[in-house]
Amino acid sequence: MNNNKVKLSPRLQLIANKVLIGSSIADIGTDHAYIPIYLIQNGIAVYAIASDVRQGPVDKANENAKKYQLKHKVDVRLGYGLEMILKDEVDTVIIAGMGGTLISEILTTAASILMHIKRLILQPMTGQDEVREWLAENRFIIIDEELVLEGEKIYNVIVAEHGEERIEKEVFYHIGKKLIDQNDPLLKPLIGKKIKEMKNIIRQLEDKDSDNAYNRLVACKERLSEFKELDKLI
């Protein structure tokens, strides 16, 4: 056994922290397979599939699995989304480092597999609202959400399991309610960032003269007001 252990960045470490001990996992879009290797090395996962749609990352993942002498426990596969996963192979799916639109598309095409999955751990780089909306519409409940700072960026890690969830307010698609309930330490700066982004969008829309721009302007001003209201409560 190779005694060297993989060290994860703060973003990847938070994702790994959300995996339950004894899980079998699939890391979709694995890149270097750092998360699967870390989970096996630390006795958290008993088996891991590391998959990517591109040959380059698959080759790198295979190199790393070999380097850490874990080829027998880290199964590297080439393919899109969950299409190469069999229904009873894993109980946990990790999809990280992609946009929310792509994550939602991957989940939509994997309905038959998701029936057998106990836990989703999702880290959307953008479009977090799309992911939260997809989960609510497809009978998944967000049981945990946490923010992590890496460099100057704040990342969301969302944990979901099967269940019914009713989103009480539209703003909770944009700022996860779990973050508010748990008073996440990075929530205040995240909302500040959202307010700044929304103000920039509003400035750009005010220069446009069309019905579409006007309707979007009204919606953005309403969202800005919601963000400011949340900011006051924290």
C-alpha atoms as a PDB file:
ATOM      1  CA  MET A   1       0.000   0.000   0.000  1.00  0.00           C
ATOM      2  CA  ASN A   2       1.279   3.461  -0.937  1.00  0.00           C
ATOM      3  CA  ASN A   3       1.660   5.437   2.313  1.00  0.00           C
ATOM      4  CA  ASN A   4       1.311   8.831   0.617  1.00  0.00           C
ATOM      5  CA  LYS A   5      -2.101  10.334   1.206  1.00  0.00           C
ATOM      6  CA  VAL A   6      -4.001  12.653  -1.090  1.00  0.00           C
ATOM      7  CA  LYS A   7      -4.503  16.140   0.313  1.00  0.00           C
ATOM      8  CA  LEU A   8      -7.618  17.939  -0.866  1.00  0.00           C
ATOM      9  CA  SER A   9      -8.281  21.620  -1.513  1.00  0.00           C
ATOM     10  CA  PRO A  10     -10.876  23.255   0.803  1.00  0.00           C
ATOM     11  CA  ARG A  11     -13.620  22.826  -1.823  1.00  0.00           C
ATOM     12  CA  LEU A  12     -12.916  19.146  -2.412  1.00  0.00           C
ATOM     13  CA  GLN A  13     -12.427  18.520   1.307  1.00  0.00           C
ATOM     14  CA  LEU A  14     -15.898  19.850   2.099  1.00  0.00           C
ATOM     15  CA  ILE A  15     -17.378  17.570  -0.557  1.00  0.00           C
ATOM     16  CA  ALA A  16     -15.529  14.576   0.925  1.00  0.00           C
ATOM     17  CA  ASN A  17     -16.749  15.514   4.410  1.00  0.00           C
ATOM     18  CA  LYS A  18     -20.338  14.985   3.279  1.00  0.00           C
ATOM     19  CA  VAL A  19     -19.785  11.305   2.383  1.00  0.00           C
ATOM     20  CA  LEU A  20     -21.044   8.848   5.011  1.00  0.00           C
ATOM     21  CA  ILE A  21     -18.672   6.179   6.319  1.00  0.00           C
ATOM     22  CA  GLY A  22     -19.203   2.867   4.546  1.00  0.00           C
ATOM     23  CA  SER A  23     -20.540   4.445   1.349  1.00  0.00           C
ATOM     24  CA  SER A  24     -19.942   3.284  -2.180  1.00  0.00           C
ATOM     25  CA  ILE A  25     -19.580   6.352  -4.364  1.00  0.00           C
ATOM     26  CA  ALA A  26     -19.557   7.547  -7.960  1.00  0.00           C
ATOM     27  CA  ASP A  27     -17.647  10.751  -8.636  1.00  0.00           C
ATOM     28  CA  ILE A  28     -18.980  12.161 -11.908  1.00  0.00           C
ATOM     29  CA  GLY A  29     -16.555  14.455 -13.736  1.00  0.00           C
ATOM     30  CA  THR A  30     -13.796  13.148 -11.489  1.00  0.00           C
ATOM     31  CA  ASP A  31     -10.864  14.873 -13.217  1.00  0.00           C
ATOM     32  CA  HIS A  32      -7.848  13.523 -11.240  1.00  0.00           C
ATOM     33  CA  ALA A  33      -9.898  11.133  -9.029  1.00  0.00           C
ATOM     34  CA  TYR A  34      -8.652  12.922  -5.925  1.00  0.00           C
ATOM     35  CA  ILE A  35     -11.949  12.624  -4.032  1.00  0.00           C
ATOM     36  CA  PRO A  36     -12.416   8.846  -4.641  1.00  0.00           C
ATOM     37  CA  ILE A  37      -8.785   8.174  -3.699  1.00  0.00           C
ATOM     38  CA  TYR A  38      -9.061  10.297  -0.542  1.00  0.00           C
ATOM     39  CA  LEU A  39     -12.295   8.554   0.498  1.00  0.00           C
ATOM     40  CA  ILE A  40     -10.798   5.070   0.068  1.00  0.00           C
ATOM     41  CA  GLN A  41      -7.489   6.011   1.744  1.00  0.00           C
ATOM     42  CA  ASN A  42      -9.294   7.362   4.799  1.00  0.00           C
ATOM     43  CA  GLY A  43     -11.679   4.436   5.188  1.00  0.00           C
ATOM     44  CA  ILE A  44     -14.752   6.528   4.386  1.00  0.00           C
ATOM     45  CA  ALA A  45     -15.818   4.822   1.150  1.00  0.00           C
ATOM     46  CA  VAL A  46     -15.542   1.077   0.570  1.00  0.00           C
ATOM     47  CA  TYR A  47     -15.697   1.347  -3.226  1.00  0.00           C
ATOM     48  CA  ALA A  48     -15.523   4.188  -5.741  1.00  0.00           C
ATOM     49  CA  ILE A  49     -16.263   4.780  -9.390  1.00  0.00           C
ATOM     50  CA  ALA A  50     -14.389   7.715 -10.894  1.00  0.00           C
ATOM     51  CA  SER A  51     -15.858   8.762 -14.225  1.00  0.00           C
ATOM     52  CA  ASP A  52     -15.309  11.525 -16.742  1.00  0.00           C
ATOM     53  CA  VAL A  53     -16.583  12.299 -20.212  1.00  0.00           C
ATOM     54  CA  ARG A  54     -13.090  13.184 -21.469  1.00  0.00           C
ATOM     55  CA  GLN A  55     -10.248  10.763 -22.139  1.00  0.00           C
ATOM     56  CA  GLY A  56      -7.565  13.064 -20.685  1.00  0.00           C
ATOM     57  CA  PRO A  57      -9.006  13.170 -17.144  1.00  0.00           C
ATOM     58  CA  VAL A  58      -9.772   9.430 -17.321  1.00  0.00           C
ATOM     59  CA  ASP A  59      -6.106   8.745 -18.148  1.00  0.00           C
ATOM     60  CA  LYS A  60      -5.005  10.989 -15.267  1.00  0.00           C
ATOM     61  CA  ALA A  61      -7.445   9.311 -12.881  1.00  0.00           C
ATOM     62  CA  ASN A  62      -6.097   5.893 -13.905  1.00  0.00           C
ATOM     63  CA  GLU A  63      -2.517   7.092 -13.315  1.00  0.00           C
ATOM     64  CA  ASN A  64      -3.409   8.322  -9.838  1.00  0.00           C
ATOM     65  CA  ALA A  65      -5.326   5.165  -8.900  1.00  0.00           C
ATOM     66  CA  LYS A  66      -2.258   3.170  -9.946  1.00  0.00           C
ATOM     67  CA  LYS A  67       0.144   5.562  -8.163  1.00  0.00           C
ATOM     68  CA  TYR A  68      -1.720   5.136  -4.866  1.00  0.00           C
ATOM     69  CA  GLN A  69      -2.160   1.375  -5.444  1.00  0.00           C
ATOM     70  CA  LEU A  70      -5.931   1.604  -5.393  1.00  0.00           C
ATOM     71  CA  LYS A  71      -6.859   0.226  -8.830  1.00  0.00           C
ATOM     72  CA  HIS A  72      -8.777  -2.572  -7.070  1.00  0.00           C
ATOM     73  CA  LYS A  73     -11.034  -0.093  -5.253  1.00  0.00           C
ATOM     74  CA  VAL A  74     -11.194   2.919  -7.587  1.00  0.00           C
ATOM     75  CA  ASP A  75     -12.875   1.908 -10.841  1.00  0.00           C
ATOM     76  CA  VAL A  76     -12.151   4.540 -13.511  1.00  0.00           C
ATOM     77  CA  ARG A  77     -14.652   4.799 -16.372  1.00  0.00           C
ATOM     78  CA  LEU A  78     -15.139   6.909 -19.491  1.00  0.00           C
ATOM     79  CA  GLY A  79     -18.666   8.145 -20.180  1.00  0.00           C
ATOM     80  CA  TYR A  80     -21.285  10.855 -19.830  1.00  0.00           C
ATOM     81  CA  GLY A  81     -22.993  11.420 -16.514  1.00  0.00           C
ATOM     82  CA  LEU A  82     -24.307   8.284 -14.850  1.00  0.00           C
ATOM     83  CA  GLU A  83     -24.784   6.299 -18.053  1.00  0.00           C
ATOM     84  CA  MET A  84     -21.961   3.876 -17.153  1.00  0.00           C
ATOM     85  CA  ILE A  85     -23.242   3.224 -13.610  1.00  0.00           C
ATOM     86  CA  LEU A  86     -25.341   0.113 -12.893  1.00  0.00           C
ATOM     87  CA  LYS A  87     -28.365   0.507 -10.621  1.00  0.00           C
ATOM     88  CA  ASP A  88     -26.957  -1.236  -7.529  1.00  0.00           C
ATOM     89  CA  GLU A  89     -23.281  -0.311  -7.785  1.00  0.00           C
ATOM     90  CA  VAL A  90     -23.215   2.802  -5.593  1.00  0.00           C
ATOM     91  CA  ASP A  91     -25.345   4.535  -2.974  1.00  0.00           C
ATOM     92  CA  THR A  92     -23.806   8.017  -3.220  1.00  0.00           C
ATOM     93  CA  VAL A  93     -23.276  10.243  -6.255  1.00  0.00           C
ATOM     94  CA  ILE A  94     -20.929  13.233  -6.290  1.00  0.00           C
ATOM     95  CA  ILE A  95     -21.175  15.791  -9.093  1.00  0.00           C
ATOM     96  CA  ALA A  96     -18.853  18.739  -8.578  1.00  0.00           C
ATOM     97  CA  GLY A  97     -17.158  21.513 -10.502  1.00  0.00           C
ATOM     98  CA  MET A  98     -19.831  21.918 -13.196  1.00  0.00           C
ATOM     99  CA  GLY A  99     -22.509  24.500 -13.909  1.00  0.00           C
ATOM    100  CA  GLY A 100     -25.969  24.015 -12.448  1.00  0.00           C
ATOM    101  CA  THR A 101     -27.539  23.559 -15.875  1.00  0.00           C
ATOM    102  CA  LEU A 102     -25.222  20.655 -16.724  1.00  0.00           C
ATOM    103  CA  ILE A 103     -25.688  19.041 -13.296  1.00  0.00           C
ATOM    104  CA  SER A 104     -29.475  19.215 -13.752  1.00  0.00           C
ATOM    105  CA  GLU A 105     -29.203  17.704 -17.251  1.00  0.00           C
ATOM    106  CA  ILE A 106     -27.027  14.841 -15.959  1.00  0.00           C
ATOM    107  CA  LEU A 107     -29.516  14.090 -13.185  1.00  0.00           C
ATOM    108  CA  THR A 108     -32.476  14.274 -15.584  1.00  0.00           C
ATOM    109  CA  THR A 109     -30.947  11.637 -17.873  1.00  0.00           C
ATOM    110  CA  ALA A 110     -30.288   9.296 -14.926  1.00  0.00           C
ATOM    111  CA  ALA A 111     -33.774   8.890 -13.421  1.00  0.00           C
ATOM    112  CA  SER A 112     -33.644   5.068 -13.343  1.00  0.00           C
ATOM    113  CA  ILE A 113     -30.284   5.067 -11.533  1.00  0.00           C
ATOM    114  CA  LEU A 114     -31.260   7.813  -9.079  1.00  0.00           C
ATOM    115  CA  MET A 115     -34.085   5.621  -7.733  1.00  0.00           C
ATOM    116  CA  HIS A 116     -31.356   3.466  -6.163  1.00  0.00           C
ATOM    117  CA  ILE A 117     -29.138   6.309  -4.948  1.00  0.00           C
ATOM    118  CA  LYS A 118     -29.412   7.328  -1.281  1.00  0.00           C
ATOM    119  CA  ARG A 119     -27.401  10.547  -1.321  1.00  0.00           C
ATOM    120  CA  LEU A 120     -26.469  13.246  -3.840  1.00  0.00           C
ATOM    121  CA  ILE A 121     -23.550  15.565  -3.096  1.00  0.00           C
ATOM    122  CA  LEU A 122     -23.584  18.440  -5.580  1.00  0.00           C
ATOM    123  CA  GLN A 123     -21.211  21.372  -5.989  1.00  0.00           C
ATOM    124  CA  PRO A 124     -22.449  23.643  -8.766  1.00  0.00           C
ATOM    125  CA  MET A 125     -20.023  26.363  -9.875  1.00  0.00           C
ATOM    126  CA  THR A 126     -22.918  28.451 -11.205  1.00  0.00           C
ATOM    127  CA  GLY A 127     -26.707  28.123 -11.383  1.00  0.00           C
ATOM    128  CA  GLN A 128     -27.177  26.942  -7.803  1.00  0.00           C
ATOM    129  CA  ASP A 129     -30.828  28.025  -8.101  1.00  0.00           C
ATOM    130  CA  GLU A 130     -31.324  25.610 -11.011  1.00  0.00           C
ATOM    131  CA  VAL A 131     -29.967  22.719  -8.945  1.00  0.00           C
ATOM    132  CA  ARG A 132     -32.169  23.527  -5.945  1.00  0.00           C
ATOM    133  CA  GLU A 133     -35.203  23.821  -8.230  1.00  0.00           C
ATOM    134  CA  TRP A 134     -34.417  20.496  -9.924  1.00  0.00           C
ATOM    135  CA  LEU A 135     -34.113  18.754  -6.559  1.00  0.00           C
ATOM    136  CA  ALA A 136     -37.448  20.144  -5.327  1.00  0.00           C
ATOM    137  CA  GLU A 137     -39.229  19.185  -8.551  1.00  0.00           C
ATOM    138  CA  ASN A 138     -37.790  15.652  -8.559  1.00  0.00           C
ATOM    139  CA  ARG A 139     -38.568  14.658  -4.984  1.00  0.00           C
ATOM    140  CA  PHE A 140     -35.223  15.282  -3.369  1.00  0.00           C
ATOM    141  CA  ILE A 141     -34.894  17.199  -0.137  1.00  0.00           C
ATOM    142  CA  ILE A 142     -31.812  19.248   0.729  1.00  0.00           C
ATOM    143  CA  ILE A 143     -30.705  17.865   4.103  1.00  0.00           C
ATOM    144  CA  ASP A 144     -27.506  19.897   4.313  1.00  0.00           C
ATOM    145  CA  GLU A 145     -25.797  22.783   2.570  1.00  0.00           C
ATOM    146  CA  GLU A 146     -22.508  24.440   3.428  1.00  0.00           C
ATOM    147  CA  LEU A 147     -20.266  27.138   1.989  1.00  0.00           C
ATOM    148  CA  VAL A 148     -16.499  27.028   1.659  1.00  0.00           C
ATOM    149  CA  LEU A 149     -13.969  29.686   0.726  1.00  0.00           C
ATOM    150  CA  GLU A 150     -11.187  28.750  -1.689  1.00  0.00           C
ATOM    151  CA  GLY A 151      -9.010  31.602  -2.862  1.00  0.00           C
ATOM    152  CA  GLU A 152     -11.425  34.491  -3.263  1.00  0.00           C
ATOM    153  CA  LYS A 153     -14.394  32.356  -4.318  1.00  0.00           C
ATOM    154  CA  ILE A 154     -17.254  31.008  -2.224  1.00  0.00           C
ATOM    155  CA  TYR A 155     -18.544  27.571  -3.225  1.00  0.00           C
ATOM    156  CA  ASN A 156     -21.802  25.787  -2.314  1.00  0.00           C
ATOM    157  CA  VAL A 157     -21.912  22.105  -1.426  1.00  0.00           C
ATOM    158  CA  ILE A 158     -25.465  20.732  -1.442  1.00  0.00           C
ATOM    159  CA  VAL A 159     -26.435  17.361   0.072  1.00  0.00           C
ATOM    160  CA  ALA A 160     -29.772  15.867  -0.948  1.00  0.00           C
ATOM    161  CA  GLU A 161     -31.690  12.663  -0.269  1.00  0.00           C
ATOM    162  CA  HIS A 162     -35.068  11.328  -1.398  1.00  0.00           C
ATOM    163  CA  GLY A 163     -37.980  13.225   0.108  1.00  0.00           C
ATOM    164  CA  GLU A 164     -40.585  15.919  -0.426  1.00  0.00           C
ATOM    165  CA  GLU A 165     -39.604  19.544  -0.009  1.00  0.00           C
ATOM    166  CA  ARG A 166     -41.731  22.642  -0.432  1.00  0.00           C
ATOM    167  CA  ILE A 167     -39.771  25.801  -1.177  1.00  0.00           C
ATOM    168  CA  GLU A 168     -41.631  28.494   0.770  1.00  0.00           C
ATOM    169  CA  LYS A 169     -40.094  31.530  -0.935  1.00  0.00           C
ATOM    170  CA  GLU A 170     -38.600  32.056  -4.390  1.00  0.00           C
ATOM    171  CA  VAL A 171     -35.484  33.599  -2.823  1.00  0.00           C
ATOM    172  CA  PHE A 172     -34.604  30.234  -1.245  1.00  0.00           C
ATOM    173  CA  TYR A 173     -33.765  28.905  -4.712  1.00  0.00           C
ATOM    174  CA  HIS A 174     -31.063  31.570  -4.873  1.00  0.00           C
ATOM    175  CA  ILE A 175     -29.906  31.482  -1.245  1.00  0.00           C
ATOM    176  CA  GLY A 176     -30.324  27.986   0.205  1.00  0.00           C
ATOM    177  CA  LYS A 177     -32.570  27.919   3.278  1.00  0.00           C
ATOM    178  CA  LYS A 178     -30.234  25.463   5.023  1.00  0.00           C
ATOM    179  CA  LEU A 179     -27.508  28.113   4.877  1.00  0.00           C
ATOM    180  CA  ILE A 180     -29.832  30.513   6.686  1.00  0.00           C
ATOM    181  CA  ASP A 181     -31.094  27.925   9.206  1.00  0.00           C
ATOM    182  CA  GLN A 182     -27.521  26.899  10.050  1.00  0.00           C
ATOM    183  CA  ASN A 183     -26.237  30.487  10.040  1.00  0.00           C
ATOM    184  CA  ASP A 184     -23.355  29.544   7.755  1.00  0.00           C
ATOM    185  CA  PRO A 185     -20.290  31.708   8.544  1.00  0.00           C
ATOM    186  CA  LEU A 186     -19.920  32.613   4.859  1.00  0.00           C
ATOM    187  CA  LEU A 187     -23.584  33.492   4.328  1.00  0.00           C
ATOM    188  CA  LYS A 188     -23.140  37.229   4.913  1.00  0.00           C
ATOM    189  CA  PRO A 189     -20.367  37.598   2.280  1.00  0.00           C
ATOM    190  CA  LEU A 190     -22.326  35.367  -0.128  1.00  0.00           C
ATOM    191  CA  ILE A 191     -25.405  37.592   0.114  1.00  0.00           C
ATOM    192  CA  GLY A 192     -23.183  40.660  -0.280  1.00  0.00           C
ATOM    193  CA  LYS A 193     -21.814  39.142  -3.487  1.00  0.00           C
ATOM    194  CA  LYS A 194     -25.347  38.408  -4.750  1.00  0.00           C
ATOM    195  CA  ILE A 195     -26.435  41.998  -4.020  1.00  0.00           C
ATOM    196  CA  LYS A 196     -23.450  43.376  -5.938  1.00  0.00           C
ATOM    197  CA  GLU A 197     -24.120  41.080  -8.914  1.00  0.00           C
ATOM    198  CA  MET A 198     -27.805  42.010  -8.980  1.00  0.00           C
ATOM    199  CA  LYS A 199     -27.015  45.743  -8.886  1.00  0.00           C
ATOM    200  CA  ASN A 200     -24.694  45.298 -11.893  1.00  0.00           C
ATOM    201  CA  ILE A 201     -27.400  43.455 -13.850  1.00  0.00           C
ATOM    202  CA  ILE A 202     -29.947  46.168 -12.993  1.00  0.00           C
ATOM    203  CA  ARG A 203     -27.562  48.902 -14.211  1.00  0.00           C
ATOM    204  CA  GLN A 204     -27.147  47.109 -17.541  1.00  0.00           C
ATOM    205  CA  LEU A 205     -30.901  46.534 -17.953  1.00  0.00           C
ATOM    206  CA  GLU A 206     -31.739  50.178 -17.256  1.00  0.00           C
ATOM    207  CA  ASP A 207     -29.904  51.111 -20.468  1.00  0.00           C
ATOM    208  CA  LYS A 208     -32.026  48.761 -22.595  1.00  0.00           C
ATOM    209  CA  ASP A 209     -35.379  49.679 -24.124  1.00  0.00           C
ATOM    210  CA  SER A 210     -37.511  46.603 -24.709  1.00  0.00           C
ATOM    211  CA  ASP A 211     -40.424  44.841 -23.023  1.00  0.00           C
ATOM    212  CA  ASN A 212     -38.216  41.865 -22.246  1.00  0.00           C
ATOM    213  CA  ALA A 213     -35.586  44.069 -20.588  1.00  0.00           C
ATOM    214  CA  TYR A 214     -38.242  45.902 -18.596  1.00  0.00           C
ATOM    215  CA  ASN A 215     -39.803  42.672 -17.323  1.00  0.00           C
ATOM    216  CA  ARG A 216     -36.386  41.352 -16.344  1.00  0.00           C
ATOM    217  CA  LEU A 217     -35.565  44.660 -14.659  1.00  0.00           C
ATOM    218  CA  VAL A 218     -38.699  44.412 -12.500  1.00  0.00           C
ATOM    219  CA  ALA A 219     -37.837  40.824 -11.519  1.00  0.00           C
ATOM    220  CA  CYS A 220     -34.217  41.735 -10.703  1.00  0.00           C
ATOM    221  CA  LYS A 221     -35.275  44.676  -8.533  1.00  0.00           C
ATOM    222  CA  GLU A 222     -37.600  42.367  -6.631  1.00  0.00           C
ATOM    223  CA  ARG A 223     -34.774  39.851  -6.151  1.00  0.00           C
ATOM    224  CA  LEU A 224     -32.427  42.601  -5.002  1.00  0.00           C
ATOM    225  CA  SER A 225     -34.998  43.643  -2.421  1.00  0.00           C
ATOM    226  CA  GLU A 226     -35.247  40.032  -1.182  1.00  0.00           C
ATOM    227  CA  PHE A 227     -31.459  39.745  -0.893  1.00  0.00           C
ATOM    228  CA  LYS A 228     -31.284  43.013   1.066  1.00  0.00           C
ATOM    229  CA  GLU A 229     -34.052  41.805   3.391  1.00  0.00           C
ATOM    230  CA  LEU A 230     -32.138  38.594   4.083  1.00  0.00           C
ATOM    231  CA  ASP A 231     -28.962  40.573   4.647  1.00  0.00           C
ATOM    232  CA  LYS A 232     -30.689  42.556   7.411  1.00  0.00           C
ATOM    233  CA  LEU A 233     -31.783  39.382   9.183  1.00  0.00           C
ATOM    234  CA  ILE A 234     -28.283  37.903   9.444  1.00  0.00           C
END
